[in-house]
Amino acid sequence: MAEYHVGCGMFGIYAGTLNKDNNRWKNKTEVTDEALCAVAQYLLEHNKEFRFHYQDKFYGMCIDELEESGTDIGDEN
């Protein structure tokens, strides 16, 4: 059975399988919108926040309720 992986590339988030050395995509599909929606749904439904460290700074991802709908995924403004 294939082992699926998710990774970030220059143009989006990808899911697929890697070669035997796990260092190159064997096949991949761009899944950015689906991945963002899945993460948002998980954080919201489980009341969680994801915190991480990147380049000497700390960050957090959480879901906040908005008064009005602004932009959706894929909107550039």
N, C-alpha and C. Protein backbone atom coordinates (compact mmCIF):
# COMPACT_ATOMS: atom_id res chain seq x y z
N MET A 1 0.84 -1.18 0.00
CA MET A 1 0.00 0.00 0.00
C MET A 1 0.88 1.24 0.00
N ALA A 2 0.51 2.23 -0.79
CA ALA A 2 1.29 3.46 -0.91
C ALA A 2 1.23 4.28 0.38
N GLU A 3 2.34 4.93 0.70
CA GLU A 3 2.40 5.83 1.85
C GLU A 3 2.35 7.26 1.32
N TYR A 4 1.33 8.00 1.71
CA TYR A 4 1.12 9.35 1.20
C TYR A 4 1.79 10.38 2.11
N HIS A 5 2.26 11.44 1.49
CA HIS A 5 2.93 12.52 2.20
C HIS A 5 2.34 13.85 1.74
N VAL A 6 2.53 14.87 2.57
CA VAL A 6 2.11 16.22 2.26
C VAL A 6 3.32 17.12 2.40
N GLY A 7 3.50 18.04 1.45
CA GLY A 7 4.64 18.94 1.52
C GLY A 7 4.32 20.28 0.90
N CYS A 8 5.14 21.26 1.24
CA CYS A 8 4.97 22.61 0.73
C CYS A 8 6.01 22.85 -0.36
N GLY A 9 5.55 23.38 -1.47
CA GLY A 9 6.45 23.72 -2.57
C GLY A 9 6.38 25.20 -2.87
N MET A 10 7.01 25.62 -3.93
CA MET A 10 7.05 27.04 -4.29
C MET A 10 5.68 27.58 -4.65
N PHE A 11 4.80 26.73 -5.16
CA PHE A 11 3.52 27.21 -5.67
C PHE A 11 2.31 26.64 -4.96
N GLY A 12 2.51 25.96 -3.84
CA GLY A 12 1.36 25.43 -3.11
C GLY A 12 1.72 24.27 -2.21
N ILE A 13 0.67 23.63 -1.71
CA ILE A 13 0.79 22.44 -0.88
C ILE A 13 0.47 21.24 -1.75
N TYR A 14 1.29 20.19 -1.64
CA TYR A 14 1.13 19.01 -2.47
C TYR A 14 0.97 17.76 -1.62
N ALA A 15 0.24 16.79 -2.17
CA ALA A 15 0.09 15.48 -1.54
C ALA A 15 0.38 14.44 -2.60
N GLY A 16 1.00 13.34 -2.18
CA GLY A 16 1.30 12.28 -3.12
C GLY A 16 2.24 11.27 -2.51
N THR A 17 2.94 10.54 -3.35
CA THR A 17 3.87 9.52 -2.89
C THR A 17 5.29 9.93 -3.26
N LEU A 18 6.24 9.44 -2.47
CA LEU A 18 7.65 9.74 -2.70
C LEU A 18 8.36 8.51 -3.25
N ASN A 19 9.57 8.72 -3.80
CA ASN A 19 10.37 7.60 -4.27
C ASN A 19 10.85 6.78 -3.07
N LYS A 20 11.58 5.69 -3.32
CA LYS A 20 12.02 4.79 -2.24
C LYS A 20 12.94 5.48 -1.23
N ASP A 21 13.68 6.50 -1.67
CA ASP A 21 14.58 7.22 -0.77
C ASP A 21 13.88 8.34 -0.01
N ASN A 22 12.59 8.54 -0.29
CA ASN A 22 11.79 9.59 0.36
C ASN A 22 12.39 10.98 0.18
N ASN A 23 13.01 11.23 -0.97
CA ASN A 23 13.61 12.54 -1.19
C ASN A 23 13.13 13.23 -2.47
N ARG A 24 12.22 12.60 -3.19
CA ARG A 24 11.70 13.19 -4.43
C ARG A 24 10.28 12.66 -4.67
N TRP A 25 9.41 13.57 -5.16
CA TRP A 25 8.04 13.17 -5.46
C TRP A 25 8.02 12.13 -6.57
N LYS A 26 7.29 11.05 -6.34
CA LYS A 26 7.03 10.05 -7.38
C LYS A 26 5.82 10.51 -8.19
N ASN A 27 4.81 10.97 -7.48
CA ASN A 27 3.65 11.63 -8.09
C ASN A 27 3.07 12.56 -7.05
N LYS A 28 2.45 13.63 -7.49
CA LYS A 28 1.91 14.61 -6.54
C LYS A 28 0.73 15.33 -7.17
N THR A 29 -0.12 15.86 -6.28
CA THR A 29 -1.27 16.65 -6.67
C THR A 29 -1.29 17.91 -5.82
N GLU A 30 -1.59 19.05 -6.43
CA GLU A 30 -1.69 20.31 -5.69
C GLU A 30 -2.99 20.30 -4.89
N VAL A 31 -2.90 20.48 -3.57
CA VAL A 31 -4.06 20.37 -2.68
C VAL A 31 -4.16 21.56 -1.72
N THR A 32 -3.64 22.71 -2.11
CA THR A 32 -3.56 23.85 -1.19
C THR A 32 -4.90 24.22 -0.59
N ASP A 33 -5.92 24.45 -1.41
CA ASP A 33 -7.22 24.87 -0.88
C ASP A 33 -7.82 23.80 0.04
N GLU A 34 -7.75 22.53 -0.36
CA GLU A 34 -8.30 21.45 0.47
C GLU A 34 -7.55 21.34 1.79
N ALA A 35 -6.22 21.48 1.75
CA ALA A 35 -5.42 21.36 2.96
C ALA A 35 -5.73 22.50 3.93
N LEU A 36 -5.82 23.73 3.43
CA LEU A 36 -6.14 24.86 4.30
C LEU A 36 -7.52 24.70 4.93
N CYS A 37 -8.49 24.27 4.15
CA CYS A 37 -9.84 24.06 4.68
C CYS A 37 -9.85 22.96 5.73
N ALA A 38 -9.11 21.88 5.48
CA ALA A 38 -9.07 20.77 6.44
C ALA A 38 -8.42 21.19 7.75
N VAL A 39 -7.34 21.96 7.67
CA VAL A 39 -6.67 22.44 8.88
C VAL A 39 -7.58 23.38 9.65
N ALA A 40 -8.23 24.31 8.95
CA ALA A 40 -9.13 25.25 9.61
C ALA A 40 -10.27 24.50 10.31
N GLN A 41 -10.85 23.52 9.63
CA GLN A 41 -11.95 22.75 10.22
C GLN A 41 -11.47 21.98 11.45
N TYR A 42 -10.29 21.39 11.37
CA TYR A 42 -9.75 20.63 12.51
C TYR A 42 -9.51 21.55 13.71
N LEU A 43 -8.85 22.70 13.48
CA LEU A 43 -8.58 23.62 14.58
C LEU A 43 -9.87 24.12 15.21
N LEU A 44 -10.87 24.44 14.38
CA LEU A 44 -12.15 24.93 14.88
C LEU A 44 -12.90 23.87 15.67
N GLU A 45 -13.07 22.70 15.09
CA GLU A 45 -13.87 21.65 15.73
C GLU A 45 -13.23 21.08 16.99
N HIS A 46 -11.90 21.17 17.10
CA HIS A 46 -11.21 20.63 18.27
C HIS A 46 -10.71 21.72 19.20
N ASN A 47 -11.12 22.98 18.91
CA ASN A 47 -10.75 24.12 19.75
C ASN A 47 -9.24 24.13 20.03
N LYS A 48 -8.45 24.04 18.96
CA LYS A 48 -7.00 23.96 19.10
C LYS A 48 -6.32 25.15 18.45
N GLU A 49 -5.08 25.35 18.86
CA GLU A 49 -4.19 26.33 18.25
C GLU A 49 -2.89 25.61 17.95
N PHE A 50 -2.27 25.90 16.82
CA PHE A 50 -1.01 25.29 16.44
C PHE A 50 0.09 26.34 16.58
N ARG A 51 1.06 26.06 17.43
CA ARG A 51 2.17 27.00 17.66
C ARG A 51 3.45 26.38 17.14
N PHE A 52 4.31 27.21 16.56
CA PHE A 52 5.56 26.70 16.02
C PHE A 52 6.63 27.79 16.00
N HIS A 53 7.86 27.37 15.82
CA HIS A 53 9.03 28.24 15.81
C HIS A 53 9.61 28.19 14.40
N TYR A 54 9.90 29.37 13.83
CA TYR A 54 10.47 29.45 12.49
C TYR A 54 11.41 30.64 12.42
N GLN A 55 12.65 30.42 12.03
CA GLN A 55 13.66 31.46 11.88
C GLN A 55 13.71 32.40 13.08
N ASP A 56 13.90 31.84 14.24
CA ASP A 56 14.06 32.58 15.50
C ASP A 56 12.84 33.38 15.95
N LYS A 57 11.68 33.07 15.40
CA LYS A 57 10.44 33.72 15.83
C LYS A 57 9.40 32.66 16.13
N PHE A 58 8.42 33.03 16.96
CA PHE A 58 7.34 32.13 17.31
C PHE A 58 6.05 32.58 16.63
N TYR A 59 5.26 31.62 16.18
CA TYR A 59 4.02 31.89 15.45
C TYR A 59 2.92 31.00 15.99
N GLY A 60 1.68 31.37 15.68
CA GLY A 60 0.54 30.54 16.06
C GLY A 60 -0.54 30.61 14.99
N MET A 61 -1.22 29.52 14.81
CA MET A 61 -2.38 29.47 13.90
C MET A 61 -3.59 29.10 14.74
N CYS A 62 -4.64 29.91 14.61
CA CYS A 62 -5.89 29.62 15.30
C CYS A 62 -7.04 30.16 14.46
N ILE A 63 -8.23 29.78 14.81
CA ILE A 63 -9.41 30.22 14.09
C ILE A 63 -10.12 31.26 14.94
N ASP A 64 -10.36 32.43 14.36
CA ASP A 64 -11.08 33.50 15.04
C ASP A 64 -12.39 33.75 14.31
N GLU A 65 -13.45 33.99 15.08
CA GLU A 65 -14.74 34.33 14.48
C GLU A 65 -14.70 35.77 13.99
N LEU A 66 -15.23 36.01 12.80
CA LEU A 66 -15.29 37.36 12.24
C LEU A 66 -16.72 37.86 12.27
N GLU A 67 -16.89 39.16 12.38
CA GLU A 67 -18.23 39.74 12.36
C GLU A 67 -18.86 39.64 10.99
N GLU A 68 -18.08 39.87 9.96
CA GLU A 68 -18.56 39.79 8.58
C GLU A 68 -17.61 38.94 7.77
N SER A 69 -18.14 38.31 6.75
CA SER A 69 -17.30 37.53 5.86
C SER A 69 -16.46 38.48 5.02
N GLY A 70 -15.16 38.21 4.97
CA GLY A 70 -14.25 39.01 4.15
C GLY A 70 -13.93 38.25 2.89
N THR A 71 -12.69 37.82 2.79
CA THR A 71 -12.27 37.09 1.60
C THR A 71 -12.26 35.60 1.90
N ASP A 72 -12.45 34.82 0.88
CA ASP A 72 -12.39 33.36 0.99
C ASP A 72 -11.06 32.89 0.46
N ILE A 73 -10.76 31.63 0.70
CA ILE A 73 -9.54 31.03 0.17
C ILE A 73 -9.54 31.21 -1.34
N GLY A 74 -8.42 31.63 -1.85
CA GLY A 74 -8.31 31.81 -3.29
C GLY A 74 -8.50 33.25 -3.71
N ASP A 75 -9.14 34.06 -2.87
CA ASP A 75 -9.29 35.48 -3.18
C ASP A 75 -7.95 36.17 -2.95
N GLU A 76 -7.59 37.06 -3.84
CA GLU A 76 -6.29 37.72 -3.70
C GLU A 76 -6.38 39.02 -2.93
N ASN A 77 -7.56 39.59 -2.75
CA ASN A 77 -7.72 40.84 -1.99
C ASN A 77 -8.68 40.65 -0.86
